[in-house]
mmCIF file of all heavy atoms, coordinates in Angstrom:
data_MODEL
# 
_entry.id   MODEL 
# 
loop_
_atom_site.group_PDB 
_atom_site.id 
_atom_site.type_symbol 
_atom_site.label_atom_id 
_atom_site.label_alt_id 
_atom_site.label_comp_id 
_atom_site.label_asym_id 
_atom_site.label_entity_id 
_atom_site.label_seq_id 
_atom_site.pdbx_PDB_ins_code 
_atom_site.Cartn_x 
_atom_site.Cartn_y 
_atom_site.Cartn_z 
_atom_site.occupancy 
_atom_site.B_iso_or_equiv 
_atom_site.pdbx_formal_charge 
_atom_site.auth_seq_id 
_atom_site.auth_comp_id 
_atom_site.auth_asym_id 
_atom_site.auth_atom_id 
_atom_site.pdbx_PDB_model_num 
ATOM 1   N N   . GLN A 1 1  ? 1.012   6.934   -13.598 1.00 0.00 ? 1  GLN A N   1 
ATOM 2   C CA  . GLN A 1 1  ? 1.663   5.594   -13.467 1.00 0.00 ? 1  GLN A CA  1 
ATOM 3   C C   . GLN A 1 1  ? 1.491   5.127   -12.041 1.00 0.00 ? 1  GLN A C   1 
ATOM 4   O O   . GLN A 1 1  ? 1.844   5.825   -11.154 1.00 0.00 ? 1  GLN A O   1 
ATOM 5   C CB  . GLN A 1 1  ? 3.117   5.702   -13.918 1.00 0.00 ? 1  GLN A CB  1 
ATOM 6   C CG  . GLN A 1 1  ? 3.347   6.010   -15.418 1.00 0.00 ? 1  GLN A CG  1 
ATOM 7   C CD  . GLN A 1 1  ? 3.068   4.858   -16.352 1.00 0.00 ? 1  GLN A CD  1 
ATOM 8   O OE1 . GLN A 1 1  ? 2.687   3.753   -15.890 1.00 0.00 ? 1  GLN A OE1 1 
ATOM 9   N NE2 . GLN A 1 1  ? 3.306   5.079   -17.649 1.00 0.00 ? 1  GLN A NE2 1 
ATOM 10  N N   . LEU A 1 2  ? 1.091   3.871   -11.963 1.00 0.00 ? 2  LEU A N   1 
ATOM 11  C CA  . LEU A 1 2  ? 0.912   3.306   -10.602 1.00 0.00 ? 2  LEU A CA  1 
ATOM 12  C C   . LEU A 1 2  ? 2.109   2.375   -10.181 1.00 0.00 ? 2  LEU A C   1 
ATOM 13  O O   . LEU A 1 2  ? 2.048   1.811   -9.071  1.00 0.00 ? 2  LEU A O   1 
ATOM 14  C CB  . LEU A 1 2  ? -0.347  2.447   -10.461 1.00 0.00 ? 2  LEU A CB  1 
ATOM 15  C CG  . LEU A 1 2  ? -1.710  3.222   -10.761 1.00 0.00 ? 2  LEU A CG  1 
ATOM 16  C CD1 . LEU A 1 2  ? -2.848  2.319   -10.593 1.00 0.00 ? 2  LEU A CD1 1 
ATOM 17  C CD2 . LEU A 1 2  ? -1.799  4.461   -9.873  1.00 0.00 ? 2  LEU A CD2 1 
ATOM 18  N N   . GLY A 1 3  ? 3.057   2.244   -11.081 1.00 0.00 ? 3  GLY A N   1 
ATOM 19  C CA  . GLY A 1 3  ? 4.268   1.422   -10.796 1.00 0.00 ? 3  GLY A CA  1 
ATOM 20  C C   . GLY A 1 3  ? 4.034   0.025   -11.131 1.00 0.00 ? 3  GLY A C   1 
ATOM 21  O O   . GLY A 1 3  ? 3.371   -0.320  -12.065 1.00 0.00 ? 3  GLY A O   1 
ATOM 22  N N   . ILE A 1 4  ? 4.660   -0.875  -10.405 1.00 0.00 ? 4  ILE A N   1 
ATOM 23  C CA  . ILE A 1 4  ? 4.604   -2.334  -10.695 1.00 0.00 ? 4  ILE A CA  1 
ATOM 24  C C   . ILE A 1 4  ? 4.022   -3.108  -9.504  1.00 0.00 ? 4  ILE A C   1 
ATOM 25  O O   . ILE A 1 4  ? 4.506   -2.895  -8.360  1.00 0.00 ? 4  ILE A O   1 
ATOM 26  C CB  . ILE A 1 4  ? 6.071   -2.845  -10.967 1.00 0.00 ? 4  ILE A CB  1 
ATOM 27  C CG1 . ILE A 1 4  ? 6.685   -2.130  -12.105 1.00 0.00 ? 4  ILE A CG1 1 
ATOM 28  C CG2 . ILE A 1 4  ? 6.006   -4.317  -11.175 1.00 0.00 ? 4  ILE A CG2 1 
ATOM 29  C CD1 . ILE A 1 4  ? 8.182   -2.414  -12.335 1.00 0.00 ? 4  ILE A CD1 1 
ATOM 30  N N   . ALA A 1 5  ? 2.970   -3.852  -9.762  1.00 0.00 ? 5  ALA A N   1 
ATOM 31  C CA  . ALA A 1 5  ? 2.387   -4.724  -8.720  1.00 0.00 ? 5  ALA A CA  1 
ATOM 32  C C   . ALA A 1 5  ? 2.962   -6.130  -8.896  1.00 0.00 ? 5  ALA A C   1 
ATOM 33  O O   . ALA A 1 5  ? 3.133   -6.648  -10.031 1.00 0.00 ? 5  ALA A O   1 
ATOM 34  C CB  . ALA A 1 5  ? 0.828   -4.744  -8.875  1.00 0.00 ? 5  ALA A CB  1 
ATOM 35  N N   . ARG A 1 6  ? 3.204   -6.728  -7.742  1.00 0.00 ? 6  ARG A N   1 
ATOM 36  C CA  . ARG A 1 6  ? 3.720   -8.088  -7.779  1.00 0.00 ? 6  ARG A CA  1 
ATOM 37  C C   . ARG A 1 6  ? 2.568   -9.081  -7.987  1.00 0.00 ? 6  ARG A C   1 
ATOM 38  O O   . ARG A 1 6  ? 1.359   -8.754  -7.850  1.00 0.00 ? 6  ARG A O   1 
ATOM 39  C CB  . ARG A 1 6  ? 4.486   -8.334  -6.459  1.00 0.00 ? 6  ARG A CB  1 
ATOM 40  C CG  . ARG A 1 6  ? 5.725   -7.461  -6.261  1.00 0.00 ? 6  ARG A CG  1 
ATOM 41  C CD  . ARG A 1 6  ? 6.576   -7.605  -7.514  1.00 0.00 ? 6  ARG A CD  1 
ATOM 42  N NE  . ARG A 1 6  ? 7.607   -6.498  -7.582  1.00 0.00 ? 6  ARG A NE  1 
ATOM 43  C CZ  . ARG A 1 6  ? 8.329   -6.227  -8.578  1.00 0.00 ? 6  ARG A CZ  1 
ATOM 44  N NH1 . ARG A 1 6  ? 8.187   -6.907  -9.746  1.00 0.00 ? 6  ARG A NH1 1 
ATOM 45  N NH2 . ARG A 1 6  ? 9.212   -5.246  -8.655  1.00 0.00 ? 6  ARG A NH2 1 
ATOM 46  N N   . ASP A 1 7  ? 2.971   -10.355 -8.181  1.00 0.00 ? 7  ASP A N   1 
ATOM 47  C CA  . ASP A 1 7  ? 1.937   -11.371 -8.544  1.00 0.00 ? 7  ASP A CA  1 
ATOM 48  C C   . ASP A 1 7  ? 1.320   -11.946 -7.247  1.00 0.00 ? 7  ASP A C   1 
ATOM 49  O O   . ASP A 1 7  ? 1.512   -13.125 -6.884  1.00 0.00 ? 7  ASP A O   1 
ATOM 50  C CB  . ASP A 1 7  ? 2.562   -12.513 -9.351  1.00 0.00 ? 7  ASP A CB  1 
ATOM 51  C CG  . ASP A 1 7  ? 2.895   -12.090 -10.763 1.00 0.00 ? 7  ASP A CG  1 
ATOM 52  O OD1 . ASP A 1 7  ? 2.089   -11.258 -11.323 1.00 0.00 ? 7  ASP A OD1 1 
ATOM 53  O OD2 . ASP A 1 7  ? 3.857   -12.548 -11.306 1.00 0.00 ? 7  ASP A OD2 1 
ATOM 54  N N   . SER A 1 8  ? 0.619   -11.024 -6.549  1.00 0.00 ? 8  SER A N   1 
ATOM 55  C CA  . SER A 1 8  ? -0.156  -11.468 -5.362  1.00 0.00 ? 8  SER A CA  1 
ATOM 56  C C   . SER A 1 8  ? -1.476  -10.639 -5.372  1.00 0.00 ? 8  SER A C   1 
ATOM 57  O O   . SER A 1 8  ? -1.443  -9.507  -5.742  1.00 0.00 ? 8  SER A O   1 
ATOM 58  C CB  . SER A 1 8  ? 0.625   -11.268 -4.091  1.00 0.00 ? 8  SER A CB  1 
ATOM 59  O OG  . SER A 1 8  ? 0.648   -9.944  -3.767  1.00 0.00 ? 8  SER A OG  1 
ATOM 60  N N   . ARG A 1 9  ? -2.482  -11.322 -4.957  1.00 0.00 ? 9  ARG A N   1 
ATOM 61  C CA  . ARG A 1 9  ? -3.770  -10.607 -4.910  1.00 0.00 ? 9  ARG A CA  1 
ATOM 62  C C   . ARG A 1 9  ? -3.694  -9.332  -3.983  1.00 0.00 ? 9  ARG A C   1 
ATOM 63  O O   . ARG A 1 9  ? -4.315  -8.326  -4.318  1.00 0.00 ? 9  ARG A O   1 
ATOM 64  C CB  . ARG A 1 9  ? -4.910  -11.543 -4.447  1.00 0.00 ? 9  ARG A CB  1 
ATOM 65  C CG  . ARG A 1 9  ? -6.260  -10.898 -4.544  1.00 0.00 ? 9  ARG A CG  1 
ATOM 66  C CD  . ARG A 1 9  ? -7.320  -11.864 -4.118  1.00 0.00 ? 9  ARG A CD  1 
ATOM 67  N NE  . ARG A 1 9  ? -7.477  -13.012 -5.008  1.00 0.00 ? 9  ARG A NE  1 
ATOM 68  C CZ  . ARG A 1 9  ? -8.492  -13.836 -5.088  1.00 0.00 ? 9  ARG A CZ  1 
ATOM 69  N NH1 . ARG A 1 9  ? -9.599  -13.647 -4.362  1.00 0.00 ? 9  ARG A NH1 1 
ATOM 70  N NH2 . ARG A 1 9  ? -8.468  -14.914 -5.836  1.00 0.00 ? 9  ARG A NH2 1 
ATOM 71  N N   . GLU A 1 10 ? -3.012  -9.488  -2.860  1.00 0.00 ? 10 GLU A N   1 
ATOM 72  C CA  . GLU A 1 10 ? -2.891  -8.398  -1.962  1.00 0.00 ? 10 GLU A CA  1 
ATOM 73  C C   . GLU A 1 10 ? -2.220  -7.186  -2.546  1.00 0.00 ? 10 GLU A C   1 
ATOM 74  O O   . GLU A 1 10 ? -2.706  -6.059  -2.418  1.00 0.00 ? 10 GLU A O   1 
ATOM 75  C CB  . GLU A 1 10 ? -2.139  -8.807  -0.701  1.00 0.00 ? 10 GLU A CB  1 
ATOM 76  C CG  . GLU A 1 10 ? -2.848  -9.873  0.158   1.00 0.00 ? 10 GLU A CG  1 
ATOM 77  C CD  . GLU A 1 10 ? -2.785  -11.282 -0.488  1.00 0.00 ? 10 GLU A CD  1 
ATOM 78  O OE1 . GLU A 1 10 ? -1.862  -11.512 -1.349  1.00 0.00 ? 10 GLU A OE1 1 
ATOM 79  O OE2 . GLU A 1 10 ? -3.595  -12.105 -0.110  1.00 0.00 ? 10 GLU A OE2 1 
ATOM 80  N N   . ASP A 1 11 ? -1.106  -7.405  -3.275  1.00 0.00 ? 11 ASP A N   1 
ATOM 81  C CA  . ASP A 1 11 ? -0.411  -6.280  -3.878  1.00 0.00 ? 11 ASP A CA  1 
ATOM 82  C C   . ASP A 1 11 ? -1.189  -5.634  -5.032  1.00 0.00 ? 11 ASP A C   1 
ATOM 83  O O   . ASP A 1 11 ? -1.208  -4.424  -5.175  1.00 0.00 ? 11 ASP A O   1 
ATOM 84  C CB  . ASP A 1 11 ? 0.976   -6.742  -4.326  1.00 0.00 ? 11 ASP A CB  1 
ATOM 85  C CG  . ASP A 1 11 ? 1.930   -5.551  -4.450  1.00 0.00 ? 11 ASP A CG  1 
ATOM 86  O OD1 . ASP A 1 11 ? 1.868   -4.663  -3.607  1.00 0.00 ? 11 ASP A OD1 1 
ATOM 87  O OD2 . ASP A 1 11 ? 2.747   -5.502  -5.447  1.00 0.00 ? 11 ASP A OD2 1 
ATOM 88  N N   . LEU A 1 12 ? -1.917  -6.467  -5.750  1.00 0.00 ? 12 LEU A N   1 
ATOM 89  C CA  . LEU A 1 12 ? -2.718  -5.971  -6.833  1.00 0.00 ? 12 LEU A CA  1 
ATOM 90  C C   . LEU A 1 12 ? -3.834  -5.115  -6.296  1.00 0.00 ? 12 LEU A C   1 
ATOM 91  O O   . LEU A 1 12 ? -4.127  -4.011  -6.745  1.00 0.00 ? 12 LEU A O   1 
ATOM 92  C CB  . LEU A 1 12 ? -3.323  -7.126  -7.682  1.00 0.00 ? 12 LEU A CB  1 
ATOM 93  C CG  . LEU A 1 12 ? -2.323  -7.803  -8.686  1.00 0.00 ? 12 LEU A CG  1 
ATOM 94  C CD1 . LEU A 1 12 ? -2.918  -9.144  -9.126  1.00 0.00 ? 12 LEU A CD1 1 
ATOM 95  C CD2 . LEU A 1 12 ? -2.036  -6.950  -9.855  1.00 0.00 ? 12 LEU A CD2 1 
ATOM 96  N N   . VAL A 1 13 ? -4.544  -5.580  -5.260  1.00 0.00 ? 13 VAL A N   1 
ATOM 97  C CA  . VAL A 1 13 ? -5.607  -4.806  -4.668  1.00 0.00 ? 13 VAL A CA  1 
ATOM 98  C C   . VAL A 1 13 ? -5.092  -3.543  -4.125  1.00 0.00 ? 13 VAL A C   1 
ATOM 99  O O   . VAL A 1 13 ? -5.749  -2.508  -4.260  1.00 0.00 ? 13 VAL A O   1 
ATOM 100 C CB  . VAL A 1 13 ? -6.323  -5.672  -3.561  1.00 0.00 ? 13 VAL A CB  1 
ATOM 101 C CG1 . VAL A 1 13 ? -7.294  -4.879  -2.771  1.00 0.00 ? 13 VAL A CG1 1 
ATOM 102 C CG2 . VAL A 1 13 ? -7.041  -6.842  -4.175  1.00 0.00 ? 13 VAL A CG2 1 
ATOM 103 N N   . ARG A 1 14 ? -3.932  -3.551  -3.460  1.00 0.00 ? 14 ARG A N   1 
ATOM 104 C CA  . ARG A 1 14 ? -3.347  -2.338  -2.970  1.00 0.00 ? 14 ARG A CA  1 
ATOM 105 C C   . ARG A 1 14 ? -3.060  -1.297  -4.046  1.00 0.00 ? 14 ARG A C   1 
ATOM 106 O O   . ARG A 1 14 ? -3.360  -0.133  -3.888  1.00 0.00 ? 14 ARG A O   1 
ATOM 107 C CB  . ARG A 1 14 ? -2.050  -2.674  -2.150  1.00 0.00 ? 14 ARG A CB  1 
ATOM 108 C CG  . ARG A 1 14 ? -1.361  -1.463  -1.568  1.00 0.00 ? 14 ARG A CG  1 
ATOM 109 C CD  . ARG A 1 14 ? -0.172  -1.879  -0.727  1.00 0.00 ? 14 ARG A CD  1 
ATOM 110 N NE  . ARG A 1 14 ? 0.860   -2.451  -1.604  1.00 0.00 ? 14 ARG A NE  1 
ATOM 111 C CZ  . ARG A 1 14 ? 1.800   -1.611  -2.234  1.00 0.00 ? 14 ARG A CZ  1 
ATOM 112 N NH1 . ARG A 1 14 ? 1.766   -0.311  -2.097  1.00 0.00 ? 14 ARG A NH1 1 
ATOM 113 N NH2 . ARG A 1 14 ? 2.730   -2.181  -3.020  1.00 0.00 ? 14 ARG A NH2 1 
ATOM 114 N N   . HIS A 1 15 ? -2.506  -1.768  -5.148  1.00 0.00 ? 15 HIS A N   1 
ATOM 115 C CA  . HIS A 1 15 ? -2.203  -0.827  -6.248  1.00 0.00 ? 15 HIS A CA  1 
ATOM 116 C C   . HIS A 1 15 ? -3.554  -0.361  -6.918  1.00 0.00 ? 15 HIS A C   1 
ATOM 117 O O   . HIS A 1 15 ? -3.683  0.786   -7.257  1.00 0.00 ? 15 HIS A O   1 
ATOM 118 C CB  . HIS A 1 15 ? -1.337  -1.525  -7.330  1.00 0.00 ? 15 HIS A CB  1 
ATOM 119 C CG  . HIS A 1 15 ? 0.085   -1.500  -6.970  1.00 0.00 ? 15 HIS A CG  1 
ATOM 120 N ND1 . HIS A 1 15 ? 0.694   -2.387  -6.125  1.00 0.00 ? 15 HIS A ND1 1 
ATOM 121 C CD2 . HIS A 1 15 ? 1.060   -0.612  -7.346  1.00 0.00 ? 15 HIS A CD2 1 
ATOM 122 C CE1 . HIS A 1 15 ? 1.981   -2.146  -5.989  1.00 0.00 ? 15 HIS A CE1 1 
ATOM 123 N NE2 . HIS A 1 15 ? 2.230   -1.098  -6.686  1.00 0.00 ? 15 HIS A NE2 1 
ATOM 124 N N   . PHE A 1 16 ? -4.543  -1.268  -7.060  1.00 0.00 ? 16 PHE A N   1 
ATOM 125 C CA  . PHE A 1 16 ? -5.815  -0.848  -7.675  1.00 0.00 ? 16 PHE A CA  1 
ATOM 126 C C   . PHE A 1 16 ? -6.436  0.256   -6.789  1.00 0.00 ? 16 PHE A C   1 
ATOM 127 O O   . PHE A 1 16 ? -7.118  1.112   -7.289  1.00 0.00 ? 16 PHE A O   1 
ATOM 128 C CB  . PHE A 1 16 ? -6.738  -1.969  -7.737  1.00 0.00 ? 16 PHE A CB  1 
ATOM 129 C CG  . PHE A 1 16 ? -6.324  -3.026  -8.851  1.00 0.00 ? 16 PHE A CG  1 
ATOM 130 C CD1 . PHE A 1 16 ? -6.718  -4.309  -8.835  1.00 0.00 ? 16 PHE A CD1 1 
ATOM 131 C CD2 . PHE A 1 16 ? -5.489  -2.628  -9.994  1.00 0.00 ? 16 PHE A CD2 1 
ATOM 132 C CE1 . PHE A 1 16 ? -6.374  -5.213  -9.791  1.00 0.00 ? 16 PHE A CE1 1 
ATOM 133 C CE2 . PHE A 1 16 ? -5.108  -3.528  -10.923 1.00 0.00 ? 16 PHE A CE2 1 
ATOM 134 C CZ  . PHE A 1 16 ? -5.539  -4.812  -10.842 1.00 0.00 ? 16 PHE A CZ  1 
ATOM 135 N N   . ALA A 1 17 ? -6.296  0.250   -5.509  1.00 0.00 ? 17 ALA A N   1 
ATOM 136 C CA  . ALA A 1 17 ? -6.863  1.200   -4.659  1.00 0.00 ? 17 ALA A CA  1 
ATOM 137 C C   . ALA A 1 17 ? -6.348  2.603   -4.924  1.00 0.00 ? 17 ALA A C   1 
ATOM 138 O O   . ALA A 1 17 ? -6.984  3.574   -4.653  1.00 0.00 ? 17 ALA A O   1 
ATOM 139 C CB  . ALA A 1 17 ? -6.654  0.809   -3.161  1.00 0.00 ? 17 ALA A CB  1 
ATOM 140 N N   . MET A 1 18 ? -5.066  2.616   -5.462  1.00 0.00 ? 18 MET A N   1 
ATOM 141 C CA  . MET A 1 18 ? -4.484  3.921   -5.718  1.00 0.00 ? 18 MET A CA  1 
ATOM 142 C C   . MET A 1 18 ? -5.146  4.606   -6.943  1.00 0.00 ? 18 MET A C   1 
ATOM 143 O O   . MET A 1 18 ? -4.918  5.791   -7.258  1.00 0.00 ? 18 MET A O   1 
ATOM 144 C CB  . MET A 1 18 ? -3.003  3.757   -6.047  1.00 0.00 ? 18 MET A CB  1 
ATOM 145 C CG  . MET A 1 18 ? -2.208  3.233   -4.884  1.00 0.00 ? 18 MET A CG  1 
ATOM 146 S SD  . MET A 1 18 ? -0.556  2.494   -5.345  1.00 0.00 ? 18 MET A SD  1 
ATOM 147 C CE  . MET A 1 18 ? 0.097   3.869   -6.236  1.00 0.00 ? 18 MET A CE  1 
ATOM 148 N N   . ALA A 1 19 ? -5.968  3.826   -7.664  1.00 0.00 ? 19 ALA A N   1 
ATOM 149 C CA  . ALA A 1 19 ? -6.644  4.348   -8.919  1.00 0.00 ? 19 ALA A CA  1 
ATOM 150 C C   . ALA A 1 19 ? -8.120  4.728   -8.628  1.00 0.00 ? 19 ALA A C   1 
ATOM 151 O O   . ALA A 1 19 ? -8.929  4.668   -9.552  1.00 0.00 ? 19 ALA A O   1 
ATOM 152 C CB  . ALA A 1 19 ? -6.458  3.431   -10.013 1.00 0.00 ? 19 ALA A CB  1 
ATOM 153 N N   . ALA A 1 20 ? -8.510  4.943   -7.416  1.00 0.00 ? 20 ALA A N   1 
ATOM 154 C CA  . ALA A 1 20 ? -9.897  5.100   -7.023  1.00 0.00 ? 20 ALA A CA  1 
ATOM 155 C C   . ALA A 1 20 ? -10.566 6.283   -7.787  1.00 0.00 ? 20 ALA A C   1 
ATOM 156 O O   . ALA A 1 20 ? -11.774 6.251   -8.045  1.00 0.00 ? 20 ALA A O   1 
ATOM 157 C CB  . ALA A 1 20 ? -10.048 5.339   -5.515  1.00 0.00 ? 20 ALA A CB  1 
ATOM 158 N N   . ASP A 1 21 ? -9.813  7.298   -8.112  1.00 0.00 ? 21 ASP A N   1 
ATOM 159 C CA  . ASP A 1 21 ? -10.336 8.432   -8.744  1.00 0.00 ? 21 ASP A CA  1 
ATOM 160 C C   . ASP A 1 21 ? -10.188 8.411   -10.335 1.00 0.00 ? 21 ASP A C   1 
ATOM 161 O O   . ASP A 1 21 ? -10.489 9.336   -11.042 1.00 0.00 ? 21 ASP A O   1 
ATOM 162 C CB  . ASP A 1 21 ? -9.688  9.756   -8.277  1.00 0.00 ? 21 ASP A CB  1 
ATOM 163 C CG  . ASP A 1 21 ? -8.223  9.814   -8.574  1.00 0.00 ? 21 ASP A CG  1 
ATOM 164 O OD1 . ASP A 1 21 ? -7.586  8.757   -8.826  1.00 0.00 ? 21 ASP A OD1 1 
ATOM 165 O OD2 . ASP A 1 21 ? -7.624  10.924  -8.512  1.00 0.00 ? 21 ASP A OD2 1 
ATOM 166 N N   . ALA A 1 22 ? -9.685  7.294   -10.842 1.00 0.00 ? 22 ALA A N   1 
ATOM 167 C CA  . ALA A 1 22 ? -9.404  7.169   -12.294 1.00 0.00 ? 22 ALA A CA  1 
ATOM 168 C C   . ALA A 1 22 ? -10.732 6.867   -12.998 1.00 0.00 ? 22 ALA A C   1 
ATOM 169 O O   . ALA A 1 22 ? -11.543 6.127   -12.528 1.00 0.00 ? 22 ALA A O   1 
ATOM 170 C CB  . ALA A 1 22 ? -8.421  6.147   -12.582 1.00 0.00 ? 22 ALA A CB  1 
ATOM 171 N N   . ASP A 1 23 ? -10.843 7.395   -14.209 1.00 0.00 ? 23 ASP A N   1 
ATOM 172 C CA  . ASP A 1 23 ? -11.946 7.072   -15.084 1.00 0.00 ? 23 ASP A CA  1 
ATOM 173 C C   . ASP A 1 23 ? -11.673 5.644   -15.729 1.00 0.00 ? 23 ASP A C   1 
ATOM 174 O O   . ASP A 1 23 ? -12.600 4.872   -16.027 1.00 0.00 ? 23 ASP A O   1 
ATOM 175 C CB  . ASP A 1 23 ? -12.110 8.093   -16.237 1.00 0.00 ? 23 ASP A CB  1 
ATOM 176 C CG  . ASP A 1 23 ? -12.468 9.465   -15.660 1.00 0.00 ? 23 ASP A CG  1 
ATOM 177 O OD1 . ASP A 1 23 ? -13.579 9.595   -15.121 1.00 0.00 ? 23 ASP A OD1 1 
ATOM 178 O OD2 . ASP A 1 23 ? -11.596 10.391  -15.717 1.00 0.00 ? 23 ASP A OD2 1 
ATOM 179 N N   . ILE A 1 24 ? -10.439 5.417   -16.008 1.00 0.00 ? 24 ILE A N   1 
ATOM 180 C CA  . ILE A 1 24 ? -9.999  4.114   -16.628 1.00 0.00 ? 24 ILE A CA  1 
ATOM 181 C C   . ILE A 1 24 ? -8.726  3.604   -15.943 1.00 0.00 ? 24 ILE A C   1 
ATOM 182 O O   . ILE A 1 24 ? -7.816  4.276   -15.763 1.00 0.00 ? 24 ILE A O   1 
ATOM 183 C CB  . ILE A 1 24 ? -9.657  4.333   -18.175 1.00 0.00 ? 24 ILE A CB  1 
ATOM 184 C CG1 . ILE A 1 24 ? -10.792 5.085   -18.864 1.00 0.00 ? 24 ILE A CG1 1 
ATOM 185 C CG2 . ILE A 1 24 ? -9.389  3.030   -18.836 1.00 0.00 ? 24 ILE A CG2 1 
ATOM 186 C CD1 . ILE A 1 24 ? -10.386 5.499   -20.323 1.00 0.00 ? 24 ILE A CD1 1 
ATOM 187 N N   . LEU A 1 25 ? -8.885  2.419   -15.469 1.00 0.00 ? 25 LEU A N   1 
ATOM 188 C CA  . LEU A 1 25 ? -7.696  1.723   -14.884 1.00 0.00 ? 25 LEU A CA  1 
ATOM 189 C C   . LEU A 1 25 ? -7.157  0.720   -15.881 1.00 0.00 ? 25 LEU A C   1 
ATOM 190 O O   . LEU A 1 25 ? -7.894  -0.145  -16.344 1.00 0.00 ? 25 LEU A O   1 
ATOM 191 C CB  . LEU A 1 25 ? -8.109  1.024   -13.594 1.00 0.00 ? 25 LEU A CB  1 
ATOM 192 C CG  . LEU A 1 25 ? -7.079  -0.044  -13.055 1.00 0.00 ? 25 LEU A CG  1 
ATOM 193 C CD1 . LEU A 1 25 ? -5.797  0.660   -12.676 1.00 0.00 ? 25 LEU A CD1 1 
ATOM 194 C CD2 . LEU A 1 25 ? -7.650  -0.802  -11.870 1.00 0.00 ? 25 LEU A CD2 1 
ATOM 195 N N   . VAL A 1 26 ? -5.953  0.861   -16.311 1.00 0.00 ? 26 VAL A N   1 
ATOM 196 C CA  . VAL A 1 26 ? -5.366  -0.042  -17.240 1.00 0.00 ? 26 VAL A CA  1 
ATOM 197 C C   . VAL A 1 26 ? -4.284  -0.837  -16.583 1.00 0.00 ? 26 VAL A C   1 
ATOM 198 O O   . VAL A 1 26 ? -3.323  -0.319  -16.022 1.00 0.00 ? 26 VAL A O   1 
ATOM 199 C CB  . VAL A 1 26 ? -4.729  0.751   -18.500 1.00 0.00 ? 26 VAL A CB  1 
ATOM 200 C CG1 . VAL A 1 26 ? -4.134  -0.247  -19.485 1.00 0.00 ? 26 VAL A CG1 1 
ATOM 201 C CG2 . VAL A 1 26 ? -5.715  1.625   -19.165 1.00 0.00 ? 26 VAL A CG2 1 
ATOM 202 N N   . SER A 1 27 ? -4.396  -2.148  -16.610 1.00 0.00 ? 27 SER A N   1 
ATOM 203 C CA  . SER A 1 27 ? -3.424  -3.079  -16.055 1.00 0.00 ? 27 SER A CA  1 
ATOM 204 C C   . SER A 1 27 ? -2.792  -3.781  -17.251 1.00 0.00 ? 27 SER A C   1 
ATOM 205 O O   . SER A 1 27 ? -3.392  -4.103  -18.213 1.00 0.00 ? 27 SER A O   1 
ATOM 206 C CB  . SER A 1 27 ? -4.004  -4.027  -15.029 1.00 0.00 ? 27 SER A CB  1 
ATOM 207 O OG  . SER A 1 27 ? -4.965  -4.845  -15.656 1.00 0.00 ? 27 SER A OG  1 
ATOM 208 N N   . ILE A 1 28 ? -1.535  -4.129  -17.076 1.00 0.00 ? 28 ILE A N   1 
ATOM 209 C CA  . ILE A 1 28 ? -0.757  -4.738  -18.107 1.00 0.00 ? 28 ILE A CA  1 
ATOM 210 C C   . ILE A 1 28 ? -0.238  -6.054  -17.569 1.00 0.00 ? 28 ILE A C   1 
ATOM 211 O O   . ILE A 1 28 ? 0.631   -6.053  -16.610 1.00 0.00 ? 28 ILE A O   1 
ATOM 212 C CB  . ILE A 1 28 ? 0.321   -3.849  -18.620 1.00 0.00 ? 28 ILE A CB  1 
ATOM 213 C CG1 . ILE A 1 28 ? -0.206  -2.544  -19.156 1.00 0.00 ? 28 ILE A CG1 1 
ATOM 214 C CG2 . ILE A 1 28 ? 1.117   -4.555  -19.809 1.00 0.00 ? 28 ILE A CG2 1 
ATOM 215 C CD1 . ILE A 1 28 ? 0.922   -1.462  -19.481 1.00 0.00 ? 28 ILE A CD1 1 
ATOM 216 N N   . GLY A 1 29 ? -0.617  -7.160  -18.171 1.00 0.00 ? 29 GLY A N   1 
ATOM 217 C CA  . GLY A 1 29 ? -0.137  -8.535  -17.718 1.00 0.00 ? 29 GLY A CA  1 
ATOM 218 C C   . GLY A 1 29 ? -1.166  -9.139  -16.696 1.00 0.00 ? 29 GLY A C   1 
ATOM 219 O O   . GLY A 1 29 ? -2.056  -8.486  -16.106 1.00 0.00 ? 29 GLY A O   1 
# 
């Protein structure tokens, strides 16, 4: 679980970077 990203491009990009080693990144919303 990567937690909750706020509705800003910067926060989304920061959270997406935490999934660099994932085979599948699933975002909700």
